[in-house]
C-alpha atoms as a PDB file:
ATOM      1  CA  MET A   1      66.825  33.239  14.973  1.00  0.00           C
ATOM      2  CA  THR A   2      69.215  33.991  17.829  1.00  0.00           C
ATOM      3  CA  ASP A   3      72.451  32.118  18.309  1.00  0.00           C
ATOM      4  CA  SER A   4      72.781  29.794  21.256  1.00  0.00           C
ATOM      5  CA  LEU A   5      75.055  30.696  24.137  1.00  0.00           C
ATOM      6  CA  GLU A   6      77.575  28.086  22.970  1.00  0.00           C
ATOM      7  CA  GLU A   7      77.687  29.559  19.453  1.00  0.00           C
ATOM      8  CA  ARG A   8      78.215  33.054  20.858  1.00  0.00           C
ATOM      9  CA  VAL A   9      80.948  31.804  23.195  1.00  0.00           C
ATOM     10  CA  GLU A  10      82.761  30.117  20.306  1.00  0.00           C
ATOM     11  CA  ALA A  11      82.516  33.269  18.163  1.00  0.00           C
ATOM     12  CA  THR A  12      83.758  35.462  21.012  1.00  0.00           C
ATOM     13  CA  THR A  13      86.626  33.051  21.728  1.00  0.00           C
ATOM     14  CA  ARG A  14      87.707  33.315  18.083  1.00  0.00           C
ATOM     15  CA  LEU A  15      87.582  37.109  18.319  1.00  0.00           C
ATOM     16  CA  LEU A  16      89.698  37.027  21.483  1.00  0.00           C
ATOM     17  CA  ILE A  17      92.258  34.762  19.790  1.00  0.00           C
ATOM     18  CA  ASP A  18      92.424  37.178  16.852  1.00  0.00           C
ATOM     19  CA  ALA A  19      92.859  40.120  19.242  1.00  0.00           C
ATOM     20  CA  CYS A  20      95.704  38.287  20.995  1.00  0.00           C
ATOM     21  CA  ARG A  21      97.456  37.682  17.684  1.00  0.00           C
ATOM     22  CA  GLU A  22      96.970  41.288  16.632  1.00  0.00           C
ATOM     23  CA  LYS A  23      98.307  42.616  19.942  1.00  0.00           C
ATOM     24  CA  ARG A  24     101.041  39.944  20.089  1.00  0.00           C
ATOM     25  CA  VAL A  25      99.742  38.637  23.403  1.00  0.00           C
ATOM     26  CA  SER A  26     101.443  35.440  24.479  1.00  0.00           C
ATOM     27  CA  LEU A  27      99.068  32.453  24.724  1.00  0.00           C
ATOM     28  CA  SER A  28      99.694  29.230  26.615  1.00  0.00           C
ATOM     29  CA  GLY A  29      99.064  25.881  24.945  1.00  0.00           C
ATOM     30  CA  ASP A  30      95.549  25.783  26.384  1.00  0.00           C
ATOM     31  CA  LEU A  31      94.861  29.404  25.351  1.00  0.00           C
ATOM     32  CA  ARG A  32      95.428  31.104  28.694  1.00  0.00           C
ATOM     33  CA  VAL A  33      96.664  34.680  29.163  1.00  0.00           C
ATOM     34  CA  THR A  34      98.082  36.546  32.127  1.00  0.00           C
ATOM     35  CA  GLU A  35      95.881  38.669  34.335  1.00  0.00           C
ATOM     36  CA  ALA A  36      97.353  41.842  32.807  1.00  0.00           C
ATOM     37  CA  ASP A  37      96.631  40.596  29.281  1.00  0.00           C
ATOM     38  CA  ALA A  38      93.113  39.495  30.241  1.00  0.00           C
ATOM     39  CA  ALA A  39      92.442  42.961  31.642  1.00  0.00           C
ATOM     40  CA  ALA A  40      93.748  44.554  28.433  1.00  0.00           C
ATOM     41  CA  LEU A  41      91.474  42.327  26.327  1.00  0.00           C
ATOM     42  CA  LEU A  42      88.517  43.358  28.497  1.00  0.00           C
ATOM     43  CA  ASN A  43      89.592  47.006  28.388  1.00  0.00           C
ATOM     44  CA  ILE A  44      89.702  47.300  32.165  1.00  0.00           C
ATOM     45  CA  ALA A  45      92.535  48.037  34.582  1.00  0.00           C
ATOM     46  CA  PRO A  46      94.469  44.991  35.850  1.00  0.00           C
ATOM     47  CA  GLY A  47      93.862  46.141  39.415  1.00  0.00           C
ATOM     48  CA  TYR A  48      90.119  46.196  38.815  1.00  0.00           C
ATOM     49  CA  LEU A  49      90.183  42.666  37.395  1.00  0.00           C
ATOM     50  CA  LYS A  50      92.140  41.517  40.446  1.00  0.00           C
ATOM     51  CA  GLN A  51      89.645  43.282  42.714  1.00  0.00           C
ATOM     52  CA  MET A  52      86.772  41.499  40.961  1.00  0.00           C
ATOM     53  CA  ARG A  53      88.581  38.173  41.352  1.00  0.00           C
ATOM     54  CA  THR A  54      89.502  38.575  45.012  1.00  0.00           C
ATOM     55  CA  GLY A  55      86.509  40.618  46.151  1.00  0.00           C
ATOM     56  CA  ASP A  56      83.104  39.367  45.163  1.00  0.00           C
ATOM     57  CA  GLY A  57      84.286  36.714  42.710  1.00  0.00           C
ATOM     58  CA  SER A  58      82.622  38.419  39.746  1.00  0.00           C
ATOM     59  CA  ALA A  59      85.650  38.041  37.461  1.00  0.00           C
ATOM     60  CA  PRO A  60      85.930  35.321  34.819  1.00  0.00           C
ATOM     61  CA  ARG A  61      87.082  31.912  36.038  1.00  0.00           C
ATOM     62  CA  HIS A  62      90.810  32.023  36.740  1.00  0.00           C
ATOM     63  CA  TYR A  63      93.673  29.612  37.285  1.00  0.00           C
ATOM     64  CA  ARG A  64      96.553  29.771  39.741  1.00  0.00           C
ATOM     65  CA  ILE A  65      99.919  28.342  38.854  1.00  0.00           C
ATOM     66  CA  PRO A  66     101.784  27.671  42.114  1.00  0.00           C
ATOM     67  CA  MET A  67     105.141  28.750  40.686  1.00  0.00           C
ATOM     68  CA  SER A  68     106.840  32.116  40.454  1.00  0.00           C
ATOM     69  CA  GLY A  69     104.706  33.773  43.099  1.00  0.00           C
ATOM     70  CA  CYS A  70     101.472  31.991  42.221  1.00  0.00           C
ATOM     71  CA  GLN A  71     100.731  33.525  38.817  1.00  0.00           C
ATOM     72  CA  VAL A  72      97.064  34.001  37.874  1.00  0.00           C
ATOM     73  CA  SER A  73      95.888  33.322  34.342  1.00  0.00           C
ATOM     74  CA  TYR A  74      92.618  33.242  32.421  1.00  0.00           C
ATOM     75  CA  ARG A  75      91.547  30.876  29.653  1.00  0.00           C
ATOM     76  CA  LEU A  76      90.171  32.769  26.641  1.00  0.00           C
ATOM     77  CA  ARG A  77      87.103  30.532  26.547  1.00  0.00           C
ATOM     78  CA  ASP A  78      86.310  31.400  30.177  1.00  0.00           C
ATOM     79  CA  ILE A  79      86.605  35.097  29.344  1.00  0.00           C
ATOM     80  CA  ALA A  80      84.251  34.559  26.389  1.00  0.00           C
ATOM     81  CA  VAL A  81      81.724  32.764  28.620  1.00  0.00           C
ATOM     82  CA  TRP A  82      81.914  35.603  31.133  1.00  0.00           C
ATOM     83  CA  ILE A  83      81.331  38.183  28.381  1.00  0.00           C
ATOM     84  CA  GLU A  84      78.418  36.296  26.825  1.00  0.00           C
ATOM     85  CA  ILE A  85      76.665  35.476  30.095  1.00  0.00           C
ATOM     86  CA  GLY A  86      76.889  39.161  30.955  1.00  0.00           C
ATOM     87  CA  THR A  87      75.081  40.052  27.732  1.00  0.00           C
ATOM     88  CA  GLU A  88      72.031  37.851  28.336  1.00  0.00           C
END
């Protein structure tokens, strides 16, 4: 029996949290990471992640904080959804 999308997303989110702890990546209270850290977790260049976000919108859902030059961040759960939808 195959796991549902939600079960896979939850499992992948847990793996991402573990990877953040292992790599000492700073997490916000709602489990967001910077764009550079998100790119590292996805094993892609930060510039490529930015290009995906600003180009065709194919990057995971992102958040803009309108302080300090409008910092972009990614919630780990959104990254997990993006990974799991891409594997279907």
